Amino acid sequence: MKVVDNLPKTYAGQHFAKQLVRSGTSPAFQYGEAKSAESRKDFIHKVKIGKKELGESYICLQIIKQHPLLESEILDGAINECDELSAIFHKSIATARNNLNKNS
């Protein structure tokens, strides 16, 4: 949200702001859904969707950085957080798959 709030009020800035609000908040919602999944496969599916959204956010942040629409300090923190969350989601998927295979 800090990135979104600091983007310029230009056409490009607003385009990326709207995109980041959608893709940047979706993983939290997907994880919330995954916590109440109906099955392990459902959990994996929902977390995978969240991971895809994190990938989309990462690309968006990289484009913003390439076309300096914002100071690097703000972007670097957001990019780092996106990387960390992606690693957490990846590990959650791997663990759930491993547990699914053990129980099959």
N, C-alpha and C. Protein backbone atom coordinates (compact mmCIF):
# COMPACT_ATOMS: atom_id res chain seq x y z
N MET A 1 0.82 -1.19 0.00
CA MET A 1 0.00 0.00 0.00
C MET A 1 0.87 1.26 0.00
N LYS A 2 2.04 1.19 0.62
CA LYS A 2 2.94 2.34 0.64
C LYS A 2 3.37 2.69 -0.79
N VAL A 3 3.62 1.69 -1.60
CA VAL A 3 3.99 1.92 -3.00
C VAL A 3 2.84 2.59 -3.72
N VAL A 4 1.65 2.03 -3.59
CA VAL A 4 0.46 2.56 -4.27
C VAL A 4 0.21 4.02 -3.89
N ASP A 5 0.30 4.31 -2.61
CA ASP A 5 0.03 5.67 -2.14
C ASP A 5 1.05 6.69 -2.62
N ASN A 6 2.25 6.21 -2.98
CA ASN A 6 3.31 7.12 -3.40
C ASN A 6 3.51 7.20 -4.91
N LEU A 7 2.76 6.42 -5.67
CA LEU A 7 2.89 6.50 -7.13
C LEU A 7 2.34 7.83 -7.62
N PRO A 8 2.92 8.35 -8.73
CA PRO A 8 2.42 9.63 -9.25
C PRO A 8 0.99 9.50 -9.75
N LYS A 9 0.31 10.59 -9.78
CA LYS A 9 -1.09 10.61 -10.21
C LYS A 9 -1.21 10.74 -11.73
N THR A 10 -0.25 10.16 -12.44
CA THR A 10 -0.27 10.14 -13.90
C THR A 10 -1.09 8.94 -14.36
N TYR A 11 -1.32 8.85 -15.66
CA TYR A 11 -2.05 7.72 -16.21
C TYR A 11 -1.33 6.41 -15.88
N ALA A 12 -0.01 6.37 -16.13
CA ALA A 12 0.78 5.16 -15.85
C ALA A 12 0.80 4.87 -14.35
N GLY A 13 1.02 5.88 -13.55
CA GLY A 13 1.05 5.69 -12.11
C GLY A 13 -0.25 5.12 -11.58
N GLN A 14 -1.37 5.62 -12.05
CA GLN A 14 -2.68 5.14 -11.60
C GLN A 14 -2.96 3.73 -12.10
N HIS A 15 -2.50 3.44 -13.31
CA HIS A 15 -2.67 2.09 -13.86
C HIS A 15 -1.96 1.08 -12.96
N PHE A 16 -0.70 1.36 -12.63
CA PHE A 16 0.05 0.44 -11.79
C PHE A 16 -0.49 0.42 -10.36
N ALA A 17 -0.96 1.52 -9.88
CA ALA A 17 -1.54 1.57 -8.54
C ALA A 17 -2.74 0.64 -8.45
N LYS A 18 -3.64 0.73 -9.43
CA LYS A 18 -4.83 -0.12 -9.41
C LYS A 18 -4.46 -1.60 -9.53
N GLN A 19 -3.49 -1.88 -10.38
CA GLN A 19 -3.05 -3.27 -10.56
C GLN A 19 -2.43 -3.82 -9.27
N LEU A 20 -1.60 -3.01 -8.64
CA LEU A 20 -0.95 -3.46 -7.40
C LEU A 20 -1.94 -3.64 -6.25
N VAL A 21 -2.95 -2.82 -6.19
CA VAL A 21 -3.97 -3.00 -5.15
C VAL A 21 -4.63 -4.36 -5.33
N ARG A 22 -4.92 -4.72 -6.57
CA ARG A 22 -5.58 -6.02 -6.82
C ARG A 22 -4.62 -7.19 -6.56
N SER A 23 -3.48 -7.19 -7.24
CA SER A 23 -2.58 -8.34 -7.13
C SER A 23 -1.83 -8.36 -5.80
N GLY A 24 -1.62 -7.22 -5.20
CA GLY A 24 -0.88 -7.16 -3.94
C GLY A 24 -1.69 -7.54 -2.72
N THR A 25 -3.00 -7.41 -2.80
CA THR A 25 -3.84 -7.79 -1.66
C THR A 25 -4.43 -9.19 -1.83
N SER A 26 -4.50 -9.67 -3.03
CA SER A 26 -5.09 -10.98 -3.30
C SER A 26 -4.44 -12.12 -2.51
N PRO A 27 -3.11 -12.18 -2.39
CA PRO A 27 -2.51 -13.29 -1.65
C PRO A 27 -3.02 -13.41 -0.21
N ALA A 28 -3.24 -12.32 0.45
CA ALA A 28 -3.76 -12.37 1.82
C ALA A 28 -5.16 -12.99 1.83
N PHE A 29 -5.98 -12.60 0.87
CA PHE A 29 -7.32 -13.16 0.78
C PHE A 29 -7.29 -14.64 0.43
N GLN A 30 -6.39 -15.00 -0.49
CA GLN A 30 -6.27 -16.40 -0.90
C GLN A 30 -5.79 -17.26 0.28
N TYR A 31 -4.86 -16.74 1.07
CA TYR A 31 -4.38 -17.49 2.22
C TYR A 31 -5.49 -17.66 3.26
N GLY A 32 -6.27 -16.61 3.44
CA GLY A 32 -7.42 -16.71 4.33
C GLY A 32 -8.39 -17.79 3.88
N GLU A 33 -8.63 -17.85 2.58
CA GLU A 33 -9.49 -18.90 2.02
C GLU A 33 -8.85 -20.27 2.22
N ALA A 34 -7.54 -20.35 2.02
CA ALA A 34 -6.84 -21.63 2.13
C ALA A 34 -6.90 -22.18 3.55
N LYS A 35 -6.89 -21.30 4.53
CA LYS A 35 -6.94 -21.76 5.92
C LYS A 35 -8.23 -22.51 6.23
N SER A 36 -9.27 -22.24 5.48
CA SER A 36 -10.52 -22.96 5.70
C SER A 36 -10.86 -23.84 4.48
N ALA A 37 -9.81 -24.33 3.83
CA ALA A 37 -10.00 -25.18 2.66
C ALA A 37 -10.74 -26.46 3.02
N GLU A 38 -11.44 -27.00 2.06
CA GLU A 38 -12.23 -28.21 2.28
C GLU A 38 -11.38 -29.48 2.22
N SER A 39 -10.19 -29.36 1.62
CA SER A 39 -9.29 -30.51 1.51
C SER A 39 -7.87 -29.99 1.32
N ARG A 40 -6.92 -30.91 1.40
CA ARG A 40 -5.53 -30.52 1.18
C ARG A 40 -5.33 -30.05 -0.26
N LYS A 41 -5.99 -30.70 -1.21
CA LYS A 41 -5.90 -30.28 -2.61
C LYS A 41 -6.47 -28.88 -2.78
N ASP A 42 -7.56 -28.59 -2.12
CA ASP A 42 -8.17 -27.26 -2.16
C ASP A 42 -7.22 -26.23 -1.56
N PHE A 43 -6.57 -26.58 -0.44
CA PHE A 43 -5.59 -25.69 0.18
C PHE A 43 -4.47 -25.37 -0.81
N ILE A 44 -3.93 -26.41 -1.43
CA ILE A 44 -2.83 -26.23 -2.40
C ILE A 44 -3.28 -25.31 -3.53
N HIS A 45 -4.47 -25.55 -4.05
CA HIS A 45 -4.98 -24.74 -5.15
C HIS A 45 -5.08 -23.26 -4.77
N LYS A 46 -5.62 -22.99 -3.61
CA LYS A 46 -5.80 -21.60 -3.18
C LYS A 46 -4.46 -20.91 -2.92
N VAL A 47 -3.52 -21.63 -2.32
CA VAL A 47 -2.20 -21.03 -2.07
C VAL A 47 -1.46 -20.80 -3.39
N LYS A 48 -1.64 -21.70 -4.36
CA LYS A 48 -1.03 -21.50 -5.68
C LYS A 48 -1.56 -20.25 -6.35
N ILE A 49 -2.83 -19.97 -6.21
CA ILE A 49 -3.39 -18.75 -6.77
C ILE A 49 -2.75 -17.53 -6.11
N GLY A 50 -2.60 -17.57 -4.79
CA GLY A 50 -1.94 -16.48 -4.08
C GLY A 50 -0.51 -16.29 -4.56
N LYS A 51 0.20 -17.38 -4.80
CA LYS A 51 1.59 -17.30 -5.28
C LYS A 51 1.65 -16.67 -6.68
N LYS A 52 0.68 -17.01 -7.53
CA LYS A 52 0.62 -16.40 -8.87
C LYS A 52 0.40 -14.89 -8.75
N GLU A 53 -0.44 -14.48 -7.84
CA GLU A 53 -0.69 -13.05 -7.64
C GLU A 53 0.58 -12.35 -7.13
N LEU A 54 1.34 -13.02 -6.28
CA LEU A 54 2.60 -12.45 -5.83
C LEU A 54 3.56 -12.27 -7.00
N GLY A 55 3.57 -13.24 -7.91
CA GLY A 55 4.41 -13.13 -9.11
C GLY A 55 3.99 -11.95 -9.97
N GLU A 56 2.71 -11.74 -10.08
CA GLU A 56 2.19 -10.60 -10.84
C GLU A 56 2.59 -9.29 -10.17
N SER A 57 2.49 -9.25 -8.86
CA SER A 57 2.90 -8.04 -8.12
C SER A 57 4.38 -7.77 -8.31
N TYR A 58 5.18 -8.83 -8.27
CA TYR A 58 6.63 -8.69 -8.44
C TYR A 58 6.96 -8.08 -9.80
N ILE A 59 6.32 -8.58 -10.83
CA ILE A 59 6.57 -8.04 -12.18
C ILE A 59 6.14 -6.58 -12.26
N CYS A 60 5.01 -6.26 -11.68
CA CYS A 60 4.52 -4.89 -11.65
C CYS A 60 5.53 -3.97 -10.95
N LEU A 61 6.04 -4.41 -9.82
CA LEU A 61 7.03 -3.62 -9.08
C LEU A 61 8.31 -3.45 -9.89
N GLN A 62 8.70 -4.47 -10.62
CA GLN A 62 9.90 -4.39 -11.46
C GLN A 62 9.70 -3.37 -12.59
N ILE A 63 8.52 -3.36 -13.18
CA ILE A 63 8.23 -2.38 -14.25
C ILE A 63 8.28 -0.97 -13.68
N ILE A 64 7.70 -0.78 -12.51
CA ILE A 64 7.73 0.54 -11.86
C ILE A 64 9.17 0.97 -11.61
N LYS A 65 10.00 0.02 -11.22
CA LYS A 65 11.41 0.33 -10.94
C LYS A 65 12.18 0.65 -12.23
N GLN A 66 11.88 -0.08 -13.31
CA GLN A 66 12.54 0.14 -14.60
C GLN A 66 12.21 1.50 -15.20
N HIS A 67 11.00 1.96 -14.97
CA HIS A 67 10.54 3.26 -15.47
C HIS A 67 10.36 4.15 -14.25
N PRO A 68 11.43 4.61 -13.70
CA PRO A 68 11.40 5.21 -12.36
C PRO A 68 10.16 6.06 -12.07
N LEU A 69 9.13 5.37 -11.61
CA LEU A 69 7.91 6.07 -11.20
C LEU A 69 7.92 6.35 -9.71
N LEU A 70 8.94 5.82 -9.02
CA LEU A 70 8.98 5.91 -7.57
C LEU A 70 10.41 5.73 -7.08
N GLU A 71 10.71 6.25 -5.89
CA GLU A 71 12.04 6.12 -5.31
C GLU A 71 12.37 4.66 -5.04
N SER A 72 13.63 4.31 -5.23
CA SER A 72 14.06 2.93 -5.07
C SER A 72 13.87 2.38 -3.66
N GLU A 73 14.05 3.23 -2.63
CA GLU A 73 13.95 2.72 -1.25
C GLU A 73 12.59 2.10 -0.98
N ILE A 74 11.55 2.75 -1.41
CA ILE A 74 10.19 2.24 -1.20
C ILE A 74 9.99 0.96 -2.00
N LEU A 75 10.45 0.97 -3.24
CA LEU A 75 10.28 -0.20 -4.10
C LEU A 75 11.09 -1.39 -3.61
N ASP A 76 12.31 -1.16 -3.19
CA ASP A 76 13.17 -2.26 -2.75
C ASP A 76 12.55 -3.00 -1.57
N GLY A 77 11.96 -2.29 -0.64
CA GLY A 77 11.29 -2.92 0.48
C GLY A 77 10.11 -3.76 0.03
N ALA A 78 9.33 -3.24 -0.90
CA ALA A 78 8.16 -3.96 -1.41
C ALA A 78 8.59 -5.20 -2.20
N ILE A 79 9.63 -5.06 -3.00
CA ILE A 79 10.14 -6.19 -3.78
C ILE A 79 10.66 -7.28 -2.84
N ASN A 80 11.38 -6.88 -1.80
CA ASN A 80 11.90 -7.84 -0.83
C ASN A 80 10.75 -8.57 -0.12
N GLU A 81 9.73 -7.82 0.28
CA GLU A 81 8.58 -8.43 0.94
C GLU A 81 7.86 -9.41 0.01
N CYS A 82 7.76 -9.05 -1.24
CA CYS A 82 7.12 -9.90 -2.24
C CYS A 82 7.91 -11.20 -2.39
N ASP A 83 9.24 -11.10 -2.45
CA ASP A 83 10.10 -12.28 -2.53
C ASP A 83 9.92 -13.19 -1.32
N GLU A 84 9.90 -12.59 -0.13
CA GLU A 84 9.76 -13.37 1.10
C GLU A 84 8.41 -14.08 1.16
N LEU A 85 7.35 -13.37 0.81
CA LEU A 85 6.02 -13.98 0.82
C LEU A 85 5.92 -15.10 -0.22
N SER A 86 6.53 -14.89 -1.37
CA SER A 86 6.52 -15.91 -2.41
C SER A 86 7.22 -17.17 -1.92
N ALA A 87 8.34 -17.01 -1.21
CA ALA A 87 9.06 -18.16 -0.67
C ALA A 87 8.21 -18.89 0.38
N ILE A 88 7.49 -18.15 1.20
CA ILE A 88 6.61 -18.75 2.21
C ILE A 88 5.49 -19.54 1.53
N PHE A 89 4.87 -18.93 0.52
CA PHE A 89 3.80 -19.62 -0.19
C PHE A 89 4.34 -20.87 -0.88
N HIS A 90 5.51 -20.76 -1.48
CA HIS A 90 6.13 -21.90 -2.17
C HIS A 90 6.36 -23.06 -1.19
N LYS A 91 6.89 -22.73 -0.02
CA LYS A 91 7.16 -23.75 0.99
C LYS A 91 5.86 -24.36 1.51
N SER A 92 4.82 -23.56 1.67
CA SER A 92 3.52 -24.07 2.11
C SER A 92 2.96 -25.06 1.10
N ILE A 93 3.11 -24.75 -0.18
CA ILE A 93 2.63 -25.65 -1.24
C ILE A 93 3.42 -26.95 -1.20
N ALA A 94 4.74 -26.85 -1.09
CA ALA A 94 5.59 -28.05 -1.06
C ALA A 94 5.26 -28.93 0.14
N THR A 95 5.09 -28.31 1.29
CA THR A 95 4.75 -29.07 2.50
C THR A 95 3.40 -29.75 2.37
N ALA A 96 2.41 -29.02 1.87
CA ALA A 96 1.07 -29.59 1.70
C ALA A 96 1.10 -30.75 0.68
N ARG A 97 1.84 -30.58 -0.39
CA ARG A 97 1.97 -31.67 -1.38
C ARG A 97 2.63 -32.90 -0.77
N ASN A 98 3.69 -32.66 -0.01
CA ASN A 98 4.39 -33.75 0.65
C ASN A 98 3.45 -34.48 1.61
N ASN A 99 2.69 -33.75 2.39
CA ASN A 99 1.74 -34.36 3.32
C ASN A 99 0.62 -35.10 2.57
N LEU A 100 0.21 -34.55 1.44
CA LEU A 100 -0.82 -35.19 0.64
C LEU A 100 -0.32 -36.54 0.13
N ASN A 101 0.93 -36.56 -0.35
CA ASN A 101 1.51 -37.80 -0.87
C ASN A 101 1.72 -38.84 0.23
N LYS A 102 2.03 -38.40 1.44
CA LYS A 102 2.20 -39.33 2.55
C LYS A 102 0.89 -40.01 2.93
N ASN A 103 -0.20 -39.28 2.78
CA ASN A 103 -1.51 -39.79 3.18
C ASN A 103 -2.22 -40.54 2.06
N SER A 104 -1.63 -40.58 0.88
CA SER A 104 -2.28 -41.25 -0.26
C SER A 104 -2.03 -42.73 -0.27
